[in-house]
Protein backbone atom coordinates (compact mmCIF):
# COMPACT_ATOMS: atom_id res chain seq x y z
CA MET A 1 -0.09 0.07 0.14
CA ALA A 2 2.61 2.24 0.79
CA ASP A 3 4.20 1.64 -2.90
CA ALA A 4 0.51 2.45 -4.35
CA ALA A 5 0.43 6.15 -2.38
CA ALA A 6 3.97 7.10 -3.40
CA LYS A 7 3.41 6.67 -6.93
CA THR A 8 0.29 8.85 -6.87
CA ASP A 9 2.31 11.69 -5.09
CA VAL A 10 2.63 14.83 -7.17
CA LYS A 11 5.80 16.22 -7.57
CA ARG A 12 5.63 19.94 -7.40
CA ALA A 13 8.41 22.27 -8.88
CA LYS A 14 10.08 24.59 -6.15
CA PRO A 15 9.18 28.67 -6.67
CA GLN A 16 11.71 30.28 -8.19
CA LEU A 17 12.41 34.27 -8.67
CA ASN A 18 11.69 35.00 -12.46
CA VAL A 19 13.26 38.14 -14.31
CA TYR A 20 9.28 39.89 -14.08
CA THR A 21 9.10 39.45 -10.09
CA SER A 22 12.63 40.51 -9.77
CA LEU A 23 12.09 43.71 -11.85
CA LEU A 24 8.89 44.67 -9.86
CA LEU A 25 10.78 44.33 -6.71
CA VAL A 26 13.53 46.36 -7.71
CA ALA A 27 10.83 49.15 -9.05
CA VAL A 28 8.92 48.76 -5.65
CA LEU A 29 11.87 49.33 -3.90
CA LEU A 30 13.39 52.58 -5.90
CA ALA A 31 9.78 53.98 -5.52
CA ILE A 32 9.55 53.98 -1.61
CA LEU A 33 13.58 55.05 -1.61
CA GLY A 34 12.56 57.71 -3.93
CA THR A 35 9.38 58.51 -1.76
CA THR A 36 11.93 58.63 1.26
CA VAL A 37 13.76 60.99 -0.37
CA VAL A 38 11.31 63.42 -1.91
CA SER A 39 9.75 63.62 1.66
CA LEU A 40 13.02 64.31 3.55
CA MET A 41 13.93 66.91 1.27
CA ASN A 42 10.49 68.65 1.56
CA MET A 43 11.04 68.50 5.62
CA ASP A 44 14.44 70.18 5.19
CA ALA A 45 12.52 72.61 2.90
CA THR A 46 9.48 73.59 4.99
CA GLY A 47 10.72 72.66 8.36
CA GLN A 48 7.32 70.94 8.81
CA GLY A 49 6.04 67.67 8.43
CA PRO A 50 7.39 65.63 5.34
CA PHE A 51 3.95 66.13 2.98
CA ASP A 52 3.41 69.55 4.03
CA VAL A 53 3.61 71.84 0.76
CA ALA A 54 6.73 74.17 0.26
CA SER A 55 6.02 77.60 -0.59
CA GLY A 56 7.72 78.98 -3.24
CA ARG A 57 10.78 80.96 -2.55
């Protein structure tokens, strides 16, 4: 009986990181980094919160 159960088991492929998934991951990380940099620069310009509008100088 053990041999019959072993023969019917389905072998599954291991999940692999493909090119599109890695490109999506890089794009998301760059978007997060860009948002952080812009918000920190805006904090320096306004002297207030990260998403307050800076007045034109």
